[in-house]
Amino acid sequence: PSSVISIGNCAFSGCSSLTQISFPSSITQVGENVFDGIKTLHLIGTINNIPNKMFYGCSSLTQITISSSVTSFGDYAFSGCSSLTQITIPSSVTSIGSYAFRQCSSLTQITISSSVTSIGDSVFSYCSSLTQITIPPSVTSIGNYAFSYCKSLTQITIPSSVTSIG
């Protein structure tokens, strides 16, 4: 309900039959591992913050709407979301945590906004369907193994603003 303003750590973790949830705009804080390992989760409402491991292992998650109030993606935020096909990172996001999209094997397209300044370790590792990516000029560092095992990656554009690649 709209009276809820926060959801604590692991609130729905392991709820193996949960298939859909709608977030009211009143939610301002979400804990870590909230949906950890829910394999049947398909569609989520608008999310206002994305902490560590929020959707870790949600292998049926296909799409998500991220609000413009999100400023960062936590570590492992979408790791293992093997049905997620595309994601647009809103302009409010400045950093993408380590392993954020690791093993998102159906991810073919990602749009990184020009406000992102850093990309963490192994962010896109094992994204076997990702074919191309353009890093915006706002990014100054790319972590270790950021694109390791992206076997379909044929084109990557890295701007001169990047001073460090792991």
Protein backbone atom coordinates (compact mmCIF):
# COMPACT_ATOMS: atom_id res chain seq x y z
CA PRO A 1 0.00 0.00 0.00
CA SER A 2 1.00 3.65 -0.34
CA SER A 3 1.54 3.81 3.44
CA VAL A 4 4.76 1.78 3.04
CA ILE A 5 7.89 3.93 2.83
CA SER A 6 10.62 1.31 3.29
CA ILE A 7 11.27 -2.38 2.71
CA GLY A 8 13.94 -4.09 4.81
CA ASN A 9 16.77 -6.46 3.90
CA CYS A 10 15.74 -9.86 2.51
CA ALA A 11 12.01 -8.98 2.81
CA PHE A 12 10.92 -11.23 -0.08
CA SER A 13 14.09 -13.31 -0.45
CA GLY A 14 13.30 -16.93 -1.26
CA CYS A 15 9.57 -16.33 -1.94
CA SER A 16 9.67 -18.83 -4.77
CA SER A 17 6.05 -18.32 -5.93
CA LEU A 18 6.14 -14.50 -6.09
CA THR A 19 5.56 -13.48 -9.70
CA GLN A 20 4.69 -9.76 -9.61
CA ILE A 21 4.93 -6.81 -7.26
CA SER A 22 3.97 -3.17 -7.65
CA PHE A 23 5.87 -0.47 -5.81
CA PRO A 24 3.97 2.62 -4.71
CA SER A 25 5.79 5.91 -5.21
CA SER A 26 5.86 6.33 -1.40
CA ILE A 27 8.72 3.82 -1.06
CA THR A 28 11.96 5.71 -0.55
CA GLN A 29 14.23 3.03 0.89
CA VAL A 30 14.76 -0.59 -0.08
CA GLY A 31 17.13 -2.94 1.73
CA GLU A 32 19.63 -5.38 0.28
CA ASN A 33 18.72 -8.82 -1.10
CA VAL A 34 15.01 -7.92 -1.20
CA PHE A 35 14.17 -10.30 -4.07
CA ASP A 36 17.25 -12.53 -3.86
CA GLY A 37 16.80 -15.75 -5.80
CA ILE A 38 13.15 -15.36 -6.79
CA LYS A 39 13.21 -17.19 -10.11
CA THR A 40 9.60 -16.43 -11.12
CA LEU A 41 9.55 -12.63 -10.75
CA HIS A 42 8.49 -11.15 -14.11
CA LEU A 43 7.61 -7.48 -13.81
CA ILE A 44 8.25 -4.85 -11.19
CA GLY A 45 6.76 -1.40 -10.72
CA THR A 46 8.88 1.74 -10.64
CA ILE A 47 11.92 1.38 -8.39
CA ASN A 48 13.34 4.39 -6.54
CA ASN A 49 16.61 2.89 -5.30
CA ILE A 50 18.59 -0.21 -6.20
CA PRO A 51 20.80 -1.50 -3.38
CA ASN A 52 23.20 -4.45 -3.42
CA LYS A 53 21.72 -7.72 -4.69
CA MET A 54 18.20 -6.35 -4.98
CA PHE A 55 17.28 -8.63 -7.90
CA TYR A 56 20.15 -11.11 -7.57
CA GLY A 57 19.22 -14.39 -9.26
CA CYS A 58 15.76 -13.28 -10.46
CA SER A 59 16.11 -15.37 -13.59
CA SER A 60 12.60 -14.65 -14.98
CA LEU A 61 12.78 -10.85 -14.66
CA THR A 62 12.31 -9.55 -18.21
CA GLN A 63 11.87 -5.81 -17.79
CA ILE A 64 12.05 -3.11 -15.18
CA THR A 65 11.24 0.58 -14.95
CA ILE A 66 13.78 2.60 -13.01
CA SER A 67 12.77 6.00 -11.72
CA SER A 68 14.79 9.13 -12.33
CA SER A 69 15.50 9.40 -8.60
CA VAL A 70 17.89 6.40 -8.62
CA THR A 71 21.50 7.58 -8.29
CA SER A 72 23.37 4.26 -8.24
CA PHE A 73 23.05 0.54 -8.85
CA GLY A 74 24.41 -1.51 -5.98
CA ASP A 75 26.81 -4.44 -6.34
CA TYR A 76 25.17 -7.52 -7.90
CA ALA A 77 21.92 -5.51 -8.36
CA PHE A 78 20.72 -7.52 -11.39
CA SER A 79 23.32 -10.29 -11.38
CA GLY A 80 21.88 -13.56 -12.66
CA CYS A 81 18.78 -11.97 -14.23
CA SER A 82 19.17 -14.22 -17.24
CA SER A 83 15.87 -13.19 -18.91
CA LEU A 84 16.50 -9.43 -18.76
CA THR A 85 16.87 -8.31 -22.40
CA GLN A 86 17.44 -4.57 -22.16
CA ILE A 87 17.82 -1.80 -19.64
CA THR A 88 18.06 1.96 -19.80
CA ILE A 89 20.03 3.60 -17.05
CA PRO A 90 18.40 6.93 -16.18
CA SER A 91 20.36 10.18 -16.23
CA SER A 92 20.25 10.39 -12.43
CA VAL A 93 22.59 7.38 -12.07
CA THR A 94 26.26 8.27 -11.52
CA SER A 95 27.73 4.86 -10.68
CA ILE A 96 27.13 1.22 -11.51
CA GLY A 97 28.29 -1.18 -8.81
CA SER A 98 30.48 -4.22 -9.32
CA TYR A 99 28.83 -7.27 -10.87
CA ALA A 100 25.61 -5.27 -11.38
CA PHE A 101 24.65 -7.09 -14.60
CA ARG A 102 26.86 -10.19 -14.32
CA GLN A 103 25.36 -13.25 -15.99
CA CYS A 104 22.48 -11.35 -17.60
CA SER A 105 22.82 -13.73 -20.54
CA SER A 106 19.82 -12.38 -22.50
CA LEU A 107 20.88 -8.75 -22.19
CA THR A 108 21.35 -7.53 -25.76
CA GLN A 109 21.09 -3.79 -25.29
CA ILE A 110 22.07 -1.37 -22.57
CA THR A 111 21.93 2.39 -22.65
CA ILE A 112 24.29 4.10 -20.23
CA SER A 113 23.39 7.69 -19.47
CA SER A 114 25.93 10.48 -19.74
CA SER A 115 25.82 11.06 -15.98
CA VAL A 116 27.58 7.77 -15.17
CA THR A 117 31.17 8.41 -14.08
CA SER A 118 32.29 4.94 -13.02
CA ILE A 119 31.59 1.35 -13.99
CA GLY A 120 32.51 -1.27 -11.39
CA ASP A 121 34.31 -4.63 -11.64
CA SER A 122 32.75 -7.38 -13.77
CA VAL A 123 29.67 -5.25 -14.46
CA PHE A 124 28.81 -6.98 -17.74
CA SER A 125 30.83 -10.19 -17.38
CA TYR A 126 29.11 -13.25 -18.83
CA CYS A 127 26.53 -11.15 -20.71
CA SER A 128 26.80 -13.56 -23.60
CA SER A 129 24.16 -11.86 -25.80
CA LEU A 130 25.49 -8.30 -25.49
CA THR A 131 26.67 -7.27 -28.96
CA GLN A 132 27.72 -3.65 -28.59
CA ILE A 133 28.12 -0.96 -25.99
CA THR A 134 28.99 2.70 -26.03
CA ILE A 135 30.59 4.18 -22.95
CA PRO A 136 29.59 7.84 -22.52
CA PRO A 137 32.28 10.55 -22.21
CA SER A 138 31.35 11.10 -18.55
CA VAL A 139 32.94 7.76 -17.56
CA THR A 140 36.48 8.04 -16.23
CA SER A 141 37.05 4.49 -14.96
CA ILE A 142 36.03 0.97 -15.89
CA GLY A 143 36.62 -1.80 -13.37
CA ASN A 144 38.40 -5.14 -13.73
CA TYR A 145 36.83 -7.77 -16.01
CA ALA A 146 34.00 -5.39 -16.96
CA PHE A 147 33.31 -7.19 -20.25
CA SER A 148 34.89 -10.60 -19.65
CA TYR A 149 33.18 -13.54 -21.35
CA CYS A 150 30.91 -11.33 -23.46
CA LYS A 151 31.31 -13.72 -26.38
CA SER A 152 28.90 -11.84 -28.69
CA LEU A 153 30.42 -8.41 -28.09
CA THR A 154 31.58 -7.14 -31.47
CA GLN A 155 31.85 -3.40 -30.83
CA ILE A 156 32.73 -1.27 -27.85
CA THR A 157 33.27 2.45 -27.90
CA ILE A 158 35.42 3.83 -25.11
CA PRO A 159 35.87 7.62 -24.96
CA SER A 160 39.14 9.38 -24.23
CA SER A 161 37.75 10.46 -20.84
CA VAL A 162 38.43 6.94 -19.55
CA THR A 163 41.76 7.00 -17.75
CA SER A 164 41.58 3.58 -16.11
CA ILE A 165 40.45 0.19 -17.40
CA GLY A 166 40.86 -2.76 -15.07
